[in-house]
Amino acid sequence: MKCVFVLAAALISPLALADVYKCVETDPATGQKRVTYTNAKNPTGCTRLSRDLPVSSVPGPTPRPSAPASTGAGFPRVSDADQEKRDSDRRKILESELAAEEKALEEARTALAQEDAVRHGNERNFQKKLDRLQPFQAKVELHERNVEALKRELSNLR
């Protein structure tokens, strides 16, 4: 089987190296020129195309090394006192959000514990209990992620 494939490839490869001709013909009825490309040379209006033409694609522009972003001359400057006030305001806001989120987390944990303690008679299958508790667990996980994000945000402040 491999021999047949190799033999077929060897027989086809010379066809890939055949000369290509560009023929320009004029249509007698309309007078328009028609361009055709073929591997058979016609005696009229055909020219052989070179096999060694350069690649016609143009390489893309080379990326310029990026300079660090600079503030423009007209860009407003903020005084150090104003910036410190903004930073302290932001810290206060984040701390209040963190306190509210921690309170919501404790409430969600309490609701989960209360719901976990309740037994329903139709929950003989453990999966039914897990399905009932799933929204409560999702709420706890959401508040935990929010608390982590707020703590991370507070640690990134100057």
N, C-alpha and C. Protein backbone atom coordinates (compact mmCIF):
# COMPACT_ATOMS: atom_id res chain seq x y z
N MET A 1 0.83 -1.19 0.00
CA MET A 1 0.00 0.00 0.00
C MET A 1 0.87 1.25 0.00
N LYS A 2 1.95 1.24 0.80
CA LYS A 2 2.84 2.39 0.84
C LYS A 2 3.54 2.58 -0.50
N CYS A 3 3.85 1.47 -1.15
CA CYS A 3 4.52 1.55 -2.45
C CYS A 3 3.63 2.23 -3.48
N VAL A 4 2.33 1.93 -3.45
CA VAL A 4 1.40 2.53 -4.40
C VAL A 4 1.33 4.04 -4.17
N PHE A 5 1.30 4.44 -2.92
CA PHE A 5 1.24 5.87 -2.59
C PHE A 5 2.50 6.59 -3.06
N VAL A 6 3.66 6.01 -2.79
CA VAL A 6 4.92 6.61 -3.19
C VAL A 6 5.00 6.68 -4.72
N LEU A 7 4.59 5.63 -5.40
CA LEU A 7 4.61 5.61 -6.86
C LEU A 7 3.68 6.68 -7.43
N ALA A 8 2.49 6.83 -6.86
CA ALA A 8 1.54 7.85 -7.34
C ALA A 8 2.11 9.25 -7.13
N ALA A 9 2.74 9.47 -5.99
CA ALA A 9 3.33 10.78 -5.71
C ALA A 9 4.47 11.07 -6.69
N ALA A 10 5.25 10.05 -7.01
CA ALA A 10 6.37 10.23 -7.94
C ALA A 10 5.87 10.54 -9.35
N LEU A 11 4.75 9.95 -9.75
CA LEU A 11 4.21 10.19 -11.09
C LEU A 11 3.54 11.56 -11.20
N ILE A 12 2.98 12.05 -10.11
CA ILE A 12 2.26 13.32 -10.14
C ILE A 12 3.20 14.51 -9.99
N SER A 13 4.33 14.34 -9.33
CA SER A 13 5.20 15.47 -9.04
C SER A 13 5.70 16.22 -10.27
N PRO A 14 5.99 15.60 -11.42
CA PRO A 14 6.40 16.41 -12.58
C PRO A 14 5.29 17.34 -13.07
N LEU A 15 4.04 16.96 -12.84
CA LEU A 15 2.95 17.83 -13.28
C LEU A 15 2.93 19.14 -12.49
N ALA A 16 3.39 19.08 -11.27
CA ALA A 16 3.43 20.29 -10.46
C ALA A 16 4.49 21.26 -10.97
N LEU A 17 5.48 20.77 -11.67
CA LEU A 17 6.54 21.61 -12.20
C LEU A 17 6.29 22.06 -13.63
N ALA A 18 5.10 21.83 -14.16
CA ALA A 18 4.79 22.19 -15.54
C ALA A 18 4.81 23.71 -15.69
N ASP A 19 5.14 24.17 -16.89
CA ASP A 19 5.16 25.59 -17.18
C ASP A 19 3.73 26.13 -17.19
N VAL A 20 3.59 27.35 -16.73
CA VAL A 20 2.28 27.99 -16.72
C VAL A 20 2.35 29.17 -17.69
N TYR A 21 1.31 29.27 -18.51
CA TYR A 21 1.24 30.32 -19.52
C TYR A 21 0.04 31.22 -19.24
N LYS A 22 0.25 32.50 -19.50
CA LYS A 22 -0.83 33.48 -19.38
C LYS A 22 -1.21 33.88 -20.80
N CYS A 23 -2.46 33.60 -21.16
CA CYS A 23 -2.94 33.89 -22.51
C CYS A 23 -3.98 35.01 -22.45
N VAL A 24 -3.78 36.02 -23.27
CA VAL A 24 -4.72 37.13 -23.37
C VAL A 24 -5.38 37.02 -24.73
N GLU A 25 -6.69 36.82 -24.73
CA GLU A 25 -7.44 36.66 -25.98
C GLU A 25 -8.50 37.75 -26.06
N THR A 26 -8.77 38.18 -27.27
CA THR A 26 -9.82 39.18 -27.48
C THR A 26 -11.05 38.47 -28.01
N ASP A 27 -12.17 38.73 -27.36
CA ASP A 27 -13.43 38.12 -27.79
C ASP A 27 -13.92 38.90 -29.01
N PRO A 28 -14.09 38.21 -30.18
CA PRO A 28 -14.47 38.95 -31.40
C PRO A 28 -15.87 39.55 -31.31
N ALA A 29 -16.77 38.97 -30.55
CA ALA A 29 -18.14 39.47 -30.49
C ALA A 29 -18.23 40.76 -29.68
N THR A 30 -17.57 40.80 -28.54
CA THR A 30 -17.69 41.97 -27.66
C THR A 30 -16.47 42.88 -27.71
N GLY A 31 -15.34 42.36 -28.14
CA GLY A 31 -14.11 43.14 -28.20
C GLY A 31 -13.40 43.24 -26.85
N GLN A 32 -13.88 42.51 -25.85
CA GLN A 32 -13.25 42.54 -24.54
C GLN A 32 -12.12 41.54 -24.48
N LYS A 33 -11.11 41.87 -23.67
CA LYS A 33 -9.98 40.96 -23.50
C LYS A 33 -10.28 40.00 -22.37
N ARG A 34 -9.84 38.76 -22.56
CA ARG A 34 -10.06 37.72 -21.56
C ARG A 34 -8.71 37.09 -21.26
N VAL A 35 -8.38 36.96 -19.96
CA VAL A 35 -7.11 36.38 -19.53
C VAL A 35 -7.39 34.98 -19.03
N THR A 36 -6.59 34.02 -19.54
CA THR A 36 -6.68 32.64 -19.05
C THR A 36 -5.28 32.16 -18.71
N TYR A 37 -5.21 31.27 -17.74
CA TYR A 37 -3.95 30.66 -17.33
C TYR A 37 -4.05 29.18 -17.67
N THR A 38 -3.00 28.66 -18.31
CA THR A 38 -3.03 27.26 -18.74
C THR A 38 -1.62 26.68 -18.73
N ASN A 39 -1.55 25.35 -18.80
CA ASN A 39 -0.24 24.71 -18.90
C ASN A 39 0.07 24.32 -20.34
N ALA A 40 -0.86 24.55 -21.28
CA ALA A 40 -0.64 24.26 -22.70
C ALA A 40 -0.46 25.58 -23.44
N LYS A 41 0.67 25.68 -24.15
CA LYS A 41 0.97 26.93 -24.84
C LYS A 41 0.17 27.00 -26.14
N ASN A 42 -0.56 28.09 -26.30
CA ASN A 42 -1.25 28.37 -27.55
C ASN A 42 -0.33 29.25 -28.39
N PRO A 43 -0.41 29.17 -29.68
CA PRO A 43 0.51 29.95 -30.50
C PRO A 43 0.26 31.46 -30.44
N THR A 44 -0.92 31.88 -30.06
CA THR A 44 -1.20 33.32 -30.10
C THR A 44 -1.41 33.89 -28.70
N GLY A 45 -0.75 34.97 -28.41
CA GLY A 45 -1.00 35.74 -27.20
C GLY A 45 -0.66 35.07 -25.88
N CYS A 46 0.21 34.08 -25.84
CA CYS A 46 0.56 33.40 -24.59
C CYS A 46 1.99 33.72 -24.22
N THR A 47 2.18 34.02 -22.95
CA THR A 47 3.53 34.24 -22.44
C THR A 47 3.76 33.31 -21.26
N ARG A 48 4.99 32.80 -21.18
CA ARG A 48 5.33 31.88 -20.10
C ARG A 48 5.60 32.69 -18.84
N LEU A 49 4.99 32.25 -17.74
CA LEU A 49 5.22 32.91 -16.46
C LEU A 49 6.43 32.28 -15.80
N SER A 50 7.22 33.08 -15.17
CA SER A 50 8.42 32.59 -14.50
C SER A 50 8.03 31.82 -13.24
N ARG A 51 8.77 30.76 -12.97
CA ARG A 51 8.51 29.97 -11.76
C ARG A 51 9.11 30.63 -10.53
N ASP A 52 10.06 31.48 -10.73
CA ASP A 52 10.79 32.05 -9.61
C ASP A 52 10.36 33.48 -9.30
N LEU A 53 9.07 33.74 -9.38
CA LEU A 53 8.58 35.06 -9.04
C LEU A 53 8.68 35.26 -7.53
N PRO A 54 8.98 36.46 -7.12
CA PRO A 54 9.03 36.71 -5.68
C PRO A 54 7.64 36.59 -5.07
N VAL A 55 7.62 36.31 -3.81
CA VAL A 55 6.35 36.19 -3.10
C VAL A 55 5.67 37.54 -3.09
N SER A 56 4.39 37.54 -3.40
CA SER A 56 3.69 38.82 -3.53
C SER A 56 3.15 39.33 -2.20
N SER A 57 3.29 38.57 -1.15
CA SER A 57 2.77 39.05 0.14
C SER A 57 3.79 40.00 0.77
N VAL A 58 3.29 40.97 1.45
CA VAL A 58 4.13 41.97 2.08
C VAL A 58 4.12 41.70 3.58
N PRO A 59 5.30 41.65 4.19
CA PRO A 59 5.30 41.40 5.63
C PRO A 59 4.67 42.57 6.38
N GLY A 60 4.07 42.27 7.50
CA GLY A 60 3.42 43.29 8.30
C GLY A 60 4.43 44.23 8.92
N PRO A 61 3.97 45.35 9.38
CA PRO A 61 4.90 46.30 9.99
C PRO A 61 5.47 45.72 11.29
N THR A 62 6.72 46.03 11.52
CA THR A 62 7.35 45.54 12.75
C THR A 62 6.81 46.35 13.91
N PRO A 63 6.49 45.69 15.01
CA PRO A 63 5.95 46.43 16.15
C PRO A 63 7.01 47.33 16.77
N ARG A 64 6.61 48.50 17.07
CA ARG A 64 7.53 49.46 17.70
C ARG A 64 7.61 49.15 19.18
N PRO A 65 8.77 49.32 19.75
CA PRO A 65 8.85 49.14 21.20
C PRO A 65 8.01 50.22 21.88
N SER A 66 7.17 49.78 22.78
CA SER A 66 6.25 50.73 23.40
C SER A 66 6.98 51.54 24.47
N ALA A 67 6.78 52.81 24.39
CA ALA A 67 7.36 53.71 25.38
C ALA A 67 6.42 53.76 26.57
N PRO A 68 6.95 53.99 27.74
CA PRO A 68 6.05 54.09 28.89
C PRO A 68 5.08 55.24 28.71
N ALA A 69 3.86 55.01 29.14
CA ALA A 69 2.83 56.02 28.97
C ALA A 69 3.17 57.24 29.81
N SER A 70 3.12 58.36 29.16
CA SER A 70 3.41 59.60 29.88
C SER A 70 2.17 60.47 29.87
N THR A 71 2.05 61.25 30.89
CA THR A 71 0.92 62.16 30.94
C THR A 71 1.23 63.35 30.07
N GLY A 72 0.24 63.82 29.37
CA GLY A 72 0.43 64.95 28.47
C GLY A 72 0.64 66.24 29.24
N ALA A 73 1.07 67.25 28.53
CA ALA A 73 1.34 68.53 29.17
C ALA A 73 0.05 69.15 29.71
N GLY A 74 -1.05 68.93 29.02
CA GLY A 74 -2.32 69.52 29.44
C GLY A 74 -3.09 68.64 30.41
N PHE A 75 -2.53 67.51 30.80
CA PHE A 75 -3.24 66.59 31.69
C PHE A 75 -3.25 67.17 33.10
N PRO A 76 -4.42 67.22 33.74
CA PRO A 76 -4.48 67.84 35.06
C PRO A 76 -3.73 67.03 36.11
N ARG A 77 -3.03 67.73 36.97
CA ARG A 77 -2.29 67.10 38.05
C ARG A 77 -3.12 67.21 39.32
N VAL A 78 -2.99 66.21 40.19
CA VAL A 78 -3.69 66.21 41.46
C VAL A 78 -2.66 66.40 42.55
N SER A 79 -2.96 67.26 43.47
CA SER A 79 -2.00 67.51 44.56
C SER A 79 -1.94 66.29 45.47
N ASP A 80 -0.85 66.17 46.19
CA ASP A 80 -0.66 65.03 47.08
C ASP A 80 -1.73 64.98 48.15
N ALA A 81 -2.14 66.13 48.67
CA ALA A 81 -3.17 66.16 49.71
C ALA A 81 -4.50 65.65 49.17
N ASP A 82 -4.85 66.08 47.95
CA ASP A 82 -6.09 65.60 47.34
C ASP A 82 -6.04 64.09 47.11
N GLN A 83 -4.90 63.61 46.63
CA GLN A 83 -4.76 62.18 46.37
C GLN A 83 -4.86 61.38 47.67
N GLU A 84 -4.24 61.87 48.74
CA GLU A 84 -4.33 61.18 50.02
C GLU A 84 -5.76 61.16 50.54
N LYS A 85 -6.49 62.25 50.33
CA LYS A 85 -7.90 62.30 50.74
C LYS A 85 -8.71 61.29 49.95
N ARG A 86 -8.47 61.22 48.65
CA ARG A 86 -9.19 60.24 47.81
C ARG A 86 -8.87 58.82 48.25
N ASP A 87 -7.59 58.57 48.54
CA ASP A 87 -7.19 57.23 48.98
C ASP A 87 -7.85 56.87 50.31
N SER A 88 -7.90 57.83 51.23
CA SER A 88 -8.52 57.53 52.53
C SER A 88 -10.02 57.33 52.37
N ASP A 89 -10.66 58.12 51.50
CA ASP A 89 -12.09 57.92 51.24
C ASP A 89 -12.33 56.53 50.64
N ARG A 90 -11.49 56.15 49.72
CA ARG A 90 -11.64 54.83 49.09
C ARG A 90 -11.45 53.73 50.12
N ARG A 91 -10.47 53.90 51.00
CA ARG A 91 -10.23 52.90 52.05
C ARG A 91 -11.46 52.79 52.95
N LYS A 92 -12.06 53.93 53.33
CA LYS A 92 -13.25 53.91 54.19
C LYS A 92 -14.40 53.19 53.49
N ILE A 93 -14.58 53.48 52.21
CA ILE A 93 -15.66 52.84 51.46
C ILE A 93 -15.44 51.33 51.40
N LEU A 94 -14.22 50.93 51.09
CA LEU A 94 -13.92 49.49 51.01
C LEU A 94 -14.08 48.82 52.37
N GLU A 95 -13.66 49.50 53.44
CA GLU A 95 -13.82 48.91 54.77
C GLU A 95 -15.28 48.76 55.15
N SER A 96 -16.11 49.75 54.80
CA SER A 96 -17.54 49.63 55.10
C SER A 96 -18.18 48.52 54.26
N GLU A 97 -17.77 48.40 52.99
CA GLU A 97 -18.27 47.30 52.15
C GLU A 97 -17.83 45.96 52.72
N LEU A 98 -16.59 45.89 53.20
CA LEU A 98 -16.09 44.64 53.78
C LEU A 98 -16.90 44.27 55.02
N ALA A 99 -17.19 45.25 55.88
CA ALA A 99 -17.97 44.97 57.09
C ALA A 99 -19.37 44.49 56.72
N ALA A 100 -20.00 45.13 55.73
CA ALA A 100 -21.34 44.71 55.31
C ALA A 100 -21.30 43.32 54.69
N GLU A 101 -20.26 43.03 53.93
CA GLU A 101 -20.15 41.72 53.28
C GLU A 101 -19.88 40.63 54.31
N GLU A 102 -19.06 40.93 55.33
CA GLU A 102 -18.82 39.94 56.38
C GLU A 102 -20.09 39.66 57.18
N LYS A 103 -20.90 40.70 57.41
CA LYS A 103 -22.18 40.52 58.10
C LYS A 103 -23.10 39.64 57.25
N ALA A 104 -23.17 39.92 55.94
CA ALA A 104 -24.00 39.11 55.05
C ALA A 104 -23.51 37.67 54.99
N LEU A 105 -22.19 37.48 55.07
CA LEU A 105 -21.62 36.13 55.08
C LEU A 105 -22.06 35.38 56.33
N GLU A 106 -22.01 36.03 57.48
CA GLU A 106 -22.44 35.38 58.72
C GLU A 106 -23.92 35.04 58.67
N GLU A 107 -24.74 35.93 58.11
CA GLU A 107 -26.17 35.65 57.98
C GLU A 107 -26.40 34.47 57.04
N ALA A 108 -25.66 34.40 55.96
CA ALA A 108 -25.81 33.30 55.02
C ALA A 108 -25.37 31.98 55.66
N ARG A 109 -24.30 32.02 56.45
CA ARG A 109 -23.86 30.80 57.14
C ARG A 109 -24.90 30.36 58.17
N THR A 110 -25.49 31.31 58.87
CA THR A 110 -26.53 30.97 59.85
C THR A 110 -27.74 30.36 59.14
N ALA A 111 -28.16 30.94 58.03
CA ALA A 111 -29.29 30.40 57.27
C ALA A 111 -28.98 29.00 56.77
N LEU A 112 -27.75 28.77 56.33
CA LEU A 112 -27.36 27.44 55.87
C LEU A 112 -27.39 26.44 57.01
N ALA A 113 -26.88 26.84 58.18
CA ALA A 113 -26.89 25.93 59.33
C ALA A 113 -28.31 25.62 59.77
N GLN A 114 -29.19 26.62 59.78
CA GLN A 114 -30.58 26.39 60.16
C GLN A 114 -31.27 25.47 59.16
N GLU A 115 -31.02 25.67 57.89
CA GLU A 115 -31.66 24.83 56.86
C GLU A 115 -31.10 23.42 56.91
N ASP A 116 -29.83 23.29 57.26
CA ASP A 116 -29.21 21.97 57.36
C ASP A 116 -29.78 21.19 58.54
N ALA A 117 -30.16 21.89 59.61
CA ALA A 117 -30.69 21.22 60.80
C ALA A 117 -32.11 20.72 60.59
N VAL A 118 -32.84 21.30 59.65
CA VAL A 118 -34.22 20.91 59.40
C VAL A 118 -34.25 19.60 58.63
N ARG A 119 -35.11 18.68 59.09
CA ARG A 119 -35.30 17.40 58.39
C ARG A 119 -36.71 17.36 57.82
N HIS A 120 -36.81 17.07 56.55
CA HIS A 120 -38.10 16.90 55.91
C HIS A 120 -38.34 15.41 55.74
N GLY A 121 -39.60 15.02 55.86
CA GLY A 121 -39.93 13.59 55.78
C GLY A 121 -39.71 13.00 54.40
N ASN A 122 -39.81 13.80 53.36
CA ASN A 122 -39.67 13.26 52.00
C ASN A 122 -38.22 13.20 51.55
N GLU A 123 -37.27 13.54 52.43
CA GLU A 123 -35.86 13.55 52.05
C GLU A 123 -35.15 12.29 52.52
N ARG A 124 -35.63 11.16 52.12
CA ARG A 124 -34.95 9.91 52.45
C ARG A 124 -33.69 9.76 51.59
N ASN A 125 -33.74 10.36 50.43
CA ASN A 125 -32.59 10.35 49.54
C ASN A 125 -31.70 11.54 49.90
N PHE A 126 -30.41 11.28 50.11
CA PHE A 126 -29.48 12.34 50.53
C PHE A 126 -29.34 13.42 49.45
N GLN A 127 -29.51 13.04 48.19
CA GLN A 127 -29.38 14.01 47.10
C GLN A 127 -30.45 15.09 47.19
N LYS A 128 -31.65 14.73 47.66
CA LYS A 128 -32.70 15.73 47.81
C LYS A 128 -32.31 16.78 48.83
N LYS A 129 -31.64 16.35 49.90
CA LYS A 129 -31.18 17.30 50.91
C LYS A 129 -30.11 18.22 50.32
N LEU A 130 -29.19 17.63 49.56
CA LEU A 130 -28.14 18.44 48.93
C LEU A 130 -28.74 19.45 47.95
N ASP A 131 -29.76 19.02 47.22
CA ASP A 131 -30.42 19.93 46.28
C ASP A 131 -31.11 21.08 47.02
N ARG A 132 -31.68 20.79 48.17
CA ARG A 132 -32.35 21.83 48.96
C ARG A 132 -31.34 22.81 49.55
N LEU A 133 -30.16 22.31 49.93
CA LEU A 133 -29.14 23.16 50.55
C LEU A 133 -28.29 23.93 49.54
N GLN A 134 -28.33 23.53 48.29
CA GLN A 134 -27.45 24.10 47.27
C GLN A 134 -27.58 25.62 47.14
N PRO A 135 -28.78 26.21 47.10
CA PRO A 135 -28.85 27.68 47.00
C PRO A 135 -28.23 28.39 48.21
N PHE A 136 -28.37 27.79 49.39
CA PHE A 136 -27.79 28.39 50.60
C PHE A 136 -26.26 28.32 50.54
N GLN A 137 -25.74 27.19 50.06
CA GLN A 137 -24.28 27.05 49.94
C GLN A 137 -23.74 28.02 48.88
N ALA A 138 -24.48 28.19 47.80
CA ALA A 138 -24.05 29.11 46.75
C ALA A 138 -23.98 30.54 47.28
N LYS A 139 -24.94 30.90 48.13
CA LYS A 139 -24.94 32.25 48.70
C LYS A 139 -23.74 32.44 49.63
N VAL A 140 -23.42 31.41 50.42
CA VAL A 140 -22.25 31.49 51.31
C VAL A 140 -20.98 31.64 50.48
N GLU A 141 -20.85 30.85 49.42
CA GLU A 141 -19.65 30.92 48.57
C GLU A 141 -19.52 32.29 47.90
N LEU A 142 -20.65 32.86 47.48
CA LEU A 142 -20.63 34.18 46.86
C LEU A 142 -20.10 35.22 47.84
N HIS A 143 -20.61 35.21 49.06
CA HIS A 143 -20.16 36.19 50.06
C HIS A 143 -18.69 35.95 50.43
N GLU A 144 -18.25 34.69 50.46
CA GLU A 144 -16.84 34.41 50.75
C GLU A 144 -15.94 35.00 49.66
N ARG A 145 -16.34 34.83 48.40
CA ARG A 145 -15.55 35.39 47.30
C ARG A 145 -15.52 36.92 47.37
N ASN A 146 -16.66 37.52 47.73
CA ASN A 146 -16.71 38.97 47.83
C ASN A 146 -15.80 39.48 48.94
N VAL A 147 -15.79 38.78 50.08
CA VAL A 147 -14.92 39.17 51.19
C VAL A 147 -13.46 39.06 50.77
N GLU A 148 -13.10 37.98 50.09
CA GLU A 148 -11.72 37.82 49.62
C GLU A 148 -11.33 38.93 48.65
N ALA A 149 -12.24 39.28 47.74
CA ALA A 149 -11.94 40.33 46.76
C ALA A 149 -11.77 41.68 47.45
N LEU A 150 -12.60 41.97 48.43
CA LEU A 150 -12.47 43.24 49.14
C LEU A 150 -11.18 43.29 49.95
N LYS A 151 -10.80 42.19 50.56
CA LYS A 151 -9.53 42.15 51.31
C LYS A 151 -8.34 42.34 50.36
N ARG A 152 -8.43 41.73 49.20
CA ARG A 152 -7.36 41.87 48.21
C ARG A 152 -7.28 43.33 47.74
N GLU A 153 -8.44 43.94 47.54
CA GLU A 153 -8.49 45.34 47.11
C GLU A 153 -7.90 46.26 48.19
N LEU A 154 -8.21 45.97 49.45
CA LEU A 154 -7.65 46.78 50.54
C LEU A 154 -6.14 46.61 50.65
N SER A 155 -5.65 45.42 50.40
CA SER A 155 -4.20 45.20 50.49
C SER A 155 -3.45 45.88 49.34
N ASN A 156 -4.13 46.14 48.23
CA ASN A 156 -3.49 46.80 47.09
C ASN A 156 -3.44 48.32 47.22
N LEU A 157 -4.14 48.86 48.20
CA LEU A 157 -4.11 50.31 48.38
C LEU A 157 -2.75 50.77 48.86
N ARG A 158 -2.43 52.02 48.55
CA ARG A 158 -1.14 52.57 48.97
C ARG A 158 -1.13 52.87 50.45
